[in-house]
Amino acid sequence: MQGVNCPTLFLLAGSLLLAPATGWATAQQDVPVASPTPDKEKGQPAQADQEGAPSPALPPPVEAPLPIDLPPLPVLSEDEAREEATRLNHDFRHEVPVALKVPTVRKEAWIALAQKQLELASYPLDRPQVLVIVDRNPAVQRLCLMLALPHSSDWQVIGSTKVSTGTTGRKFYYITPTGVFVNTADILGYRALGTKNANGIMGNGIKGMRVWDFGWQWAEKGWLPSREKGQIRLEMHATDPVYLESRLGHVASEGCIRIPASLNVFIDKHGLIDAEYERMATVDIRFRALLRKDRVASPLAGAAVVVVDTSDMPEVMNVNTADAKAVTHRPGVKG
């Protein structure tokens, strides 16, 4: 990203590692964590379609010499950015039938809290870009795609839907942590296999849904009154379309961020948090293989998901629910 030292590429023990510039990467402690059991036939972890399973370990590229030069990120003017955000909003309303209206009071709260998290994480908002803002407030449970502008609080809503974050009261279920989580090229995400668990549930949605992997993160253990912390593999992904997608809008996950399938496709198709992946795809076949062939990457593509919590903001809690109903006026489409 502009304003940040370029990442350095290393080949180490059969894995591709990018050493990110210091400052904005979410801090993690070095704690031994068990690796998933490999499934040799499929070349992916046996738990790959279970919520929170780590991304598959893949071999390093062979065609890219070192050092490599990655293309710069596109930088739009504010007017150009707003025009692109308006186009994305139009597409969102046509491609995501579960779109929700965003009340002004929530928009303002989300912007203020997201800006605070970006500052705490020293994340460089140095170009107009899309941020994925997730409100883990149990009474809200919303995601908002937002055009974030440097040096301005006049951000623009692209679209919003219901989501589900981590719940409490169930053993081994964690509370989704707040903070800035970046879809860096350090980790190569994956696509759902569409397989079912012992209960007949597709943990990551139907085959082909993207799973964005943000690595190991510290989270509160929702089943313990002490809220002792442990590590989870924080991911954002779709969920079972038959049994679980209709329940979005309520805390339910083991700590990951569950999103609607149509939103999953929208973010994937427009590359909205794949900015670093697009750069790596120019030199690494693994990233090219993961990204959709029919994608039209937006020049506003970013890389960050910002999790906030409005639980202590009564003005948000008291929003009239009628003000947050779906705003899709196409015939036959319901929110």
Protein backbone atom coordinates (compact mmCIF):
# COMPACT_ATOMS: atom_id res chain seq x y z
CA MET A 1 0.00 0.00 0.00
CA GLN A 2 1.15 3.53 -0.52
CA GLY A 3 2.80 5.05 2.51
CA VAL A 4 3.92 1.62 3.74
CA ASN A 5 7.13 -0.25 3.03
CA CYS A 6 6.58 -2.94 0.39
CA PRO A 7 6.29 -6.47 1.75
CA THR A 8 9.35 -8.68 1.48
CA LEU A 9 8.96 -12.10 -0.07
CA PHE A 10 10.62 -15.15 1.49
CA LEU A 11 10.64 -18.82 0.60
CA LEU A 12 10.84 -20.78 3.81
CA ALA A 13 10.42 -24.51 4.44
CA GLY A 14 8.12 -25.07 1.49
CA SER A 15 5.77 -22.15 2.23
CA LEU A 16 5.36 -18.69 0.76
CA LEU A 17 5.62 -16.09 3.48
CA LEU A 18 5.24 -12.37 3.14
CA ALA A 19 6.75 -10.26 5.84
CA PRO A 20 4.26 -7.38 6.12
CA ALA A 21 5.32 -3.88 6.95
CA THR A 22 5.19 -3.34 10.67
CA GLY A 23 2.58 -1.16 12.31
CA TRP A 24 -0.75 -2.14 10.84
CA ALA A 25 -0.70 -5.94 11.01
CA THR A 26 -2.83 -7.18 13.89
CA ALA A 27 -0.54 -8.23 16.73
CA GLN A 28 -0.50 -11.90 17.61
CA GLN A 29 1.32 -13.85 20.30
CA ASP A 30 3.47 -16.84 19.46
CA VAL A 31 1.46 -19.69 20.90
CA PRO A 32 1.71 -23.27 19.66
CA VAL A 33 -1.48 -24.17 17.81
CA ALA A 34 -2.37 -27.60 16.49
CA SER A 35 -2.41 -27.83 12.70
CA PRO A 36 -5.35 -29.39 10.87
CA THR A 37 -5.10 -33.04 9.86
CA PRO A 38 -4.31 -33.26 6.13
CA ASP A 39 -6.69 -34.98 3.78
CA LYS A 40 -4.23 -36.41 1.27
CA GLU A 41 -6.84 -37.24 -1.35
CA LYS A 42 -8.20 -33.69 -1.57
CA GLY A 43 -4.99 -31.87 -0.72
CA GLN A 44 -6.81 -29.79 1.91
CA PRO A 45 -7.23 -30.07 5.67
CA ALA A 46 -9.85 -32.63 6.62
CA GLN A 47 -11.61 -29.82 8.54
CA ALA A 48 -11.52 -27.41 5.61
CA ASP A 49 -15.30 -27.10 5.40
CA GLN A 50 -15.77 -26.66 9.13
CA GLU A 51 -16.17 -23.17 10.53
CA GLY A 52 -12.82 -21.70 11.53
CA ALA A 53 -10.68 -24.38 9.86
CA PRO A 54 -7.30 -23.02 8.70
CA SER A 55 -6.63 -22.45 5.03
CA PRO A 56 -4.94 -25.32 3.18
CA ALA A 57 -1.16 -25.37 3.12
CA LEU A 58 -0.07 -25.00 -0.50
CA PRO A 59 3.32 -25.43 -2.19
CA PRO A 60 5.30 -22.31 -3.09
CA PRO A 61 5.27 -20.84 -6.60
CA VAL A 62 8.05 -21.81 -8.95
CA GLU A 63 7.78 -19.28 -11.74
CA ALA A 64 8.36 -16.05 -9.82
CA PRO A 65 12.02 -15.02 -9.45
CA LEU A 66 13.10 -13.00 -6.45
CA PRO A 67 12.89 -10.13 -5.86
CA ILE A 68 9.54 -9.38 -7.48
CA ASP A 69 7.88 -6.11 -8.36
CA LEU A 70 4.17 -5.88 -7.63
CA PRO A 71 1.91 -3.41 -9.45
CA PRO A 72 0.82 -0.36 -7.44
CA LEU A 73 -2.67 -0.08 -6.01
CA PRO A 74 -5.04 2.20 -7.96
CA VAL A 75 -5.65 5.56 -6.31
CA LEU A 76 -8.84 7.43 -7.21
CA SER A 77 -9.69 11.03 -6.49
CA GLU A 78 -12.56 11.61 -4.08
CA ASP A 79 -14.96 12.39 -6.92
CA GLU A 80 -13.90 9.27 -8.81
CA ALA A 81 -14.19 7.20 -5.66
CA ARG A 82 -17.72 8.40 -4.95
CA GLU A 83 -18.73 7.68 -8.53
CA GLU A 84 -17.36 4.14 -8.25
CA ALA A 85 -19.06 3.66 -4.86
CA THR A 86 -22.38 4.75 -6.39
CA ARG A 87 -21.90 2.20 -9.18
CA LEU A 88 -21.16 -0.51 -6.62
CA ASN A 89 -24.24 0.49 -4.63
CA HIS A 90 -26.36 0.09 -7.76
CA ASP A 91 -24.87 -3.35 -8.38
CA PHE A 92 -25.32 -4.28 -4.72
CA ARG A 93 -29.04 -3.53 -4.82
CA HIS A 94 -29.41 -5.77 -7.87
CA GLU A 95 -27.08 -8.58 -6.85
CA VAL A 96 -27.73 -8.86 -3.10
CA PRO A 97 -31.48 -9.40 -2.56
CA VAL A 98 -31.09 -9.35 1.25
CA ALA A 99 -29.85 -5.74 1.24
CA LEU A 100 -30.80 -3.61 4.25
CA LYS A 101 -31.21 0.08 4.72
CA VAL A 102 -28.64 1.76 6.98
CA PRO A 103 -30.13 4.29 9.41
CA THR A 104 -28.09 7.48 9.67
CA VAL A 105 -27.42 6.98 13.38
CA ARG A 106 -25.88 3.57 12.72
CA LYS A 107 -23.83 4.83 9.81
CA GLU A 108 -22.34 7.60 11.94
CA ALA A 109 -21.63 5.22 14.82
CA TRP A 110 -19.97 2.67 12.53
CA ILE A 111 -17.76 5.33 10.94
CA ALA A 112 -16.65 6.70 14.30
CA LEU A 113 -15.90 3.26 15.74
CA ALA A 114 -14.15 2.06 12.58
CA GLN A 115 -11.94 5.15 12.53
CA LYS A 116 -11.00 4.47 16.15
CA GLN A 117 -10.10 0.85 15.37
CA LEU A 118 -8.03 1.91 12.35
CA GLU A 119 -6.14 4.37 14.54
CA LEU A 120 -5.54 1.77 17.27
CA ALA A 121 -4.22 -0.68 14.67
CA SER A 122 -2.12 1.99 12.91
CA TYR A 123 -3.76 0.87 9.69
CA PRO A 124 -2.85 3.28 6.88
CA LEU A 125 -6.01 4.56 5.23
CA ASP A 126 -3.95 6.22 2.52
CA ARG A 127 -6.30 5.87 -0.45
CA PRO A 128 -10.08 5.74 -0.98
CA GLN A 129 -11.07 2.12 -0.48
CA VAL A 130 -13.81 -0.26 0.59
CA LEU A 131 -13.91 -1.27 4.24
CA VAL A 132 -16.03 -4.14 5.50
CA ILE A 133 -17.46 -2.98 8.84
CA VAL A 134 -19.07 -5.62 11.06
CA ASP A 135 -21.11 -4.68 14.13
CA ARG A 136 -20.94 -7.58 16.60
CA ASN A 137 -23.52 -5.98 18.91
CA PRO A 138 -25.90 -8.91 19.63
CA ALA A 139 -28.87 -6.59 19.07
CA VAL A 140 -27.56 -5.40 15.68
CA GLN A 141 -25.49 -8.09 13.89
CA ARG A 142 -24.96 -6.15 10.69
CA LEU A 143 -22.26 -5.82 8.05
CA CYS A 144 -21.76 -2.66 6.01
CA LEU A 145 -19.62 -2.17 2.93
CA MET A 146 -18.37 1.39 3.21
CA LEU A 147 -16.32 3.69 1.01
CA ALA A 148 -13.68 4.95 3.45
CA LEU A 149 -11.95 8.23 2.63
CA PRO A 150 -8.65 9.46 4.07
CA HIS A 151 -8.91 12.63 6.16
CA SER A 152 -12.72 12.61 6.06
CA SER A 153 -15.65 11.23 8.02
CA ASP A 154 -18.03 11.67 5.10
CA TRP A 155 -17.91 8.00 4.14
CA GLN A 156 -20.39 6.46 1.74
CA VAL A 157 -22.51 3.34 2.27
CA ILE A 158 -22.32 0.76 -0.52
CA GLY A 159 -24.56 -1.87 1.03
CA SER A 160 -25.51 -3.70 4.22
CA THR A 161 -26.82 -7.12 5.27
CA LYS A 162 -27.43 -9.23 8.36
CA VAL A 163 -24.58 -11.39 9.64
CA SER A 164 -23.89 -13.71 12.55
CA THR A 165 -20.86 -13.42 14.82
CA GLY A 166 -19.67 -15.45 17.80
CA THR A 167 -22.15 -16.42 20.46
CA THR A 168 -21.98 -17.04 24.21
CA GLY A 169 -23.15 -19.86 26.43
CA ARG A 170 -22.01 -22.75 24.22
CA LYS A 171 -18.78 -24.59 24.93
CA PHE A 172 -15.98 -23.83 22.48
CA TYR A 173 -17.89 -20.86 21.02
CA TYR A 174 -15.89 -17.64 21.08
CA ILE A 175 -16.93 -13.98 20.96
CA THR A 176 -15.77 -12.47 17.67
CA PRO A 177 -12.98 -10.01 18.57
CA THR A 178 -13.11 -6.35 17.65
CA GLY A 179 -10.28 -4.85 15.65
CA VAL A 180 -8.85 -4.56 12.14
CA PHE A 181 -8.32 -7.85 10.33
CA VAL A 182 -6.50 -7.78 7.02
CA ASN A 183 -6.81 -10.09 4.03
CA THR A 184 -3.08 -10.13 3.41
CA ALA A 185 -1.11 -12.30 1.01
CA ASP A 186 0.55 -13.89 4.04
CA ILE A 187 -2.34 -16.39 4.00
CA LEU A 188 -4.01 -17.85 0.95
CA GLY A 189 -7.70 -18.39 1.64
CA TYR A 190 -9.77 -21.08 -0.01
CA ARG A 191 -13.15 -22.02 -1.43
CA ALA A 192 -15.77 -24.16 0.26
CA LEU A 193 -16.01 -27.78 -0.79
CA GLY A 194 -19.75 -27.85 -0.07
CA THR A 195 -19.40 -30.91 2.16
CA LYS A 196 -21.65 -31.52 5.16
CA ASN A 197 -20.72 -32.28 8.75
CA ALA A 198 -22.21 -35.05 10.92
CA ASN A 199 -25.33 -32.90 11.42
CA GLY A 200 -25.88 -32.37 7.69
CA ILE A 201 -24.67 -28.74 7.81
CA MET A 202 -22.46 -27.09 5.19
CA GLY A 203 -20.29 -25.03 7.50
CA ASN A 204 -18.92 -22.72 4.80
CA GLY A 205 -21.89 -22.75 2.45
CA ILE A 206 -22.24 -24.35 -0.96
CA LYS A 207 -19.29 -25.42 -3.08
CA GLY A 208 -17.27 -22.52 -4.41
CA MET A 209 -18.07 -19.93 -1.73
CA ARG A 210 -15.04 -17.85 -0.70
CA VAL A 211 -13.53 -18.25 2.73
CA TRP A 212 -11.48 -15.21 3.74
CA ASP A 213 -8.91 -16.27 6.34
CA PHE A 214 -7.54 -13.67 8.78
CA GLY A 215 -5.28 -16.04 10.69
CA TRP A 216 -5.11 -16.91 14.38
CA GLN A 217 -6.65 -14.24 16.60
CA TRP A 218 -7.25 -13.90 20.32
CA ALA A 219 -10.92 -14.04 21.33
CA GLU A 220 -12.93 -14.31 24.52
CA LYS A 221 -14.28 -17.73 25.43
CA GLY A 222 -18.01 -17.13 25.32
CA TRP A 223 -18.84 -20.09 27.54
CA LEU A 224 -16.72 -18.89 30.50
CA PRO A 225 -17.93 -16.16 32.90
CA SER A 226 -14.29 -15.06 33.26
CA ARG A 227 -14.08 -14.42 29.50
CA GLU A 228 -10.63 -15.96 29.45
CA LYS A 229 -9.08 -15.65 26.00
CA GLY A 230 -7.94 -18.27 23.53
CA GLN A 231 -7.01 -18.38 19.87
CA ILE A 232 -9.44 -18.93 17.02
CA ARG A 233 -8.97 -19.05 13.29
CA LEU A 234 -10.94 -15.95 12.35
CA GLU A 235 -12.63 -16.23 8.97
CA MET A 236 -15.48 -14.66 7.03
CA HIS A 237 -17.58 -17.07 5.00
CA ALA A 238 -21.05 -18.09 3.86
CA THR A 239 -23.15 -20.58 5.80
CA ASP A 240 -25.61 -23.39 5.21
CA PRO A 241 -28.24 -22.00 2.79
CA VAL A 242 -31.05 -24.21 4.08
CA TYR A 243 -30.62 -24.34 7.84
CA LEU A 244 -28.53 -21.34 8.89
CA GLU A 245 -28.70 -18.46 6.40
CA SER A 246 -32.27 -17.61 7.46
CA ARG A 247 -30.96 -17.19 11.02
CA LEU A 248 -28.45 -14.48 10.16
CA GLY A 249 -28.97 -11.39 12.27
CA HIS A 250 -28.44 -13.31 15.52
CA VAL A 251 -25.22 -14.32 17.27
CA ALA A 252 -24.62 -17.94 16.35
CA SER A 253 -21.11 -18.70 15.12
CA GLU A 254 -18.10 -20.23 16.84
CA GLY A 255 -16.33 -16.90 16.40
CA CYS A 256 -16.20 -16.43 12.63
CA ILE A 257 -18.27 -13.94 10.62
CA ARG A 258 -21.11 -15.66 8.75
CA ILE A 259 -22.48 -13.76 5.77
CA PRO A 260 -25.23 -14.34 3.16
CA ALA A 261 -24.24 -16.28 0.05
CA SER A 262 -25.23 -13.41 -2.25
CA LEU A 263 -22.97 -11.04 -0.31
CA ASN A 264 -20.16 -13.59 -0.44
CA VAL A 265 -20.46 -13.68 -4.23
CA PHE A 266 -20.69 -9.88 -4.47
CA ILE A 267 -17.50 -9.28 -2.47
CA ASP A 268 -15.75 -12.05 -4.39
CA LYS A 269 -16.93 -10.92 -7.83
CA HIS A 270 -15.92 -7.28 -7.28
CA GLY A 271 -12.71 -8.16 -5.41
CA LEU A 272 -13.64 -5.76 -2.63
CA ILE A 273 -11.10 -6.99 -0.07
CA ASP A 274 -8.72 -8.69 -2.50
CA ALA A 275 -6.41 -5.75 -3.22
CA GLU A 276 -3.30 -7.63 -2.13
CA TYR A 277 -4.45 -10.84 -3.80
CA GLU A 278 -4.82 -9.02 -7.13
CA ARG A 279 -1.24 -7.79 -6.87
CA MET A 280 0.09 -11.25 -6.02
CA ALA A 281 -1.96 -12.82 -8.82
CA THR A 282 0.32 -11.06 -11.32
CA VAL A 283 3.26 -13.21 -10.20
CA ASP A 284 1.77 -16.21 -8.37
CA ILE A 285 -0.44 -18.83 -10.02
CA ARG A 286 -1.97 -19.83 -6.67
CA PHE A 287 -3.64 -16.45 -6.26
CA ARG A 288 -4.77 -16.43 -9.88
CA ALA A 289 -6.33 -19.85 -9.33
CA LEU A 290 -8.25 -18.73 -6.26
CA LEU A 291 -9.72 -15.52 -7.70
CA ARG A 292 -12.86 -15.73 -9.86
CA LYS A 293 -12.24 -15.86 -13.59
CA ASP A 294 -15.22 -13.55 -14.23
CA ARG A 295 -14.33 -10.99 -11.57
CA VAL A 296 -14.27 -7.29 -12.30
CA ALA A 297 -12.04 -5.96 -9.55
CA SER A 298 -13.06 -2.53 -8.31
CA PRO A 299 -10.36 0.17 -8.13
CA LEU A 300 -11.72 0.78 -4.62
CA ALA A 301 -10.70 -2.71 -3.50
CA GLY A 302 -9.22 -2.76 -0.01
CA ALA A 303 -8.13 -5.53 2.32
CA ALA A 304 -9.60 -4.83 5.76
CA VAL A 305 -12.52 -6.08 7.81
CA VAL A 306 -13.17 -3.88 10.85
CA VAL A 307 -15.19 -5.42 13.68
CA VAL A 308 -16.87 -2.91 16.01
CA ASP A 309 -19.40 -3.10 18.82
CA THR A 310 -22.18 -0.55 19.40
CA SER A 311 -23.49 -2.24 22.55
CA ASP A 312 -22.63 0.81 24.68
CA MET A 313 -24.31 3.27 22.31
CA PRO A 314 -27.99 3.66 23.30
CA GLU A 315 -28.73 5.82 20.26
CA VAL A 316 -27.90 2.83 18.07
CA MET A 317 -29.76 0.38 20.27
CA ASN A 318 -32.92 2.48 20.05
CA VAL A 319 -33.07 2.70 16.25
CA ASN A 320 -36.60 2.05 15.05
CA THR A 321 -36.53 -1.40 13.47
CA ALA A 322 -38.82 -0.16 10.68
CA ASP A 323 -36.00 2.16 9.64
CA ALA A 324 -33.71 -0.81 9.07
CA LYS A 325 -35.91 -2.88 6.79
CA ALA A 326 -34.78 -3.98 3.36
CA VAL A 327 -34.72 -1.31 0.68
CA THR A 328 -34.97 -3.30 -2.50
CA HIS A 329 -37.91 -2.15 -4.58
CA ARG A 330 -37.69 -4.71 -7.35
CA PRO A 331 -40.88 -6.76 -7.70
CA GLY A 332 -40.85 -10.11 -5.94
CA VAL A 333 -37.73 -9.40 -3.89
CA LYS A 334 -37.95 -9.39 -0.12
CA GLY A 335 -35.34 -8.45 2.46
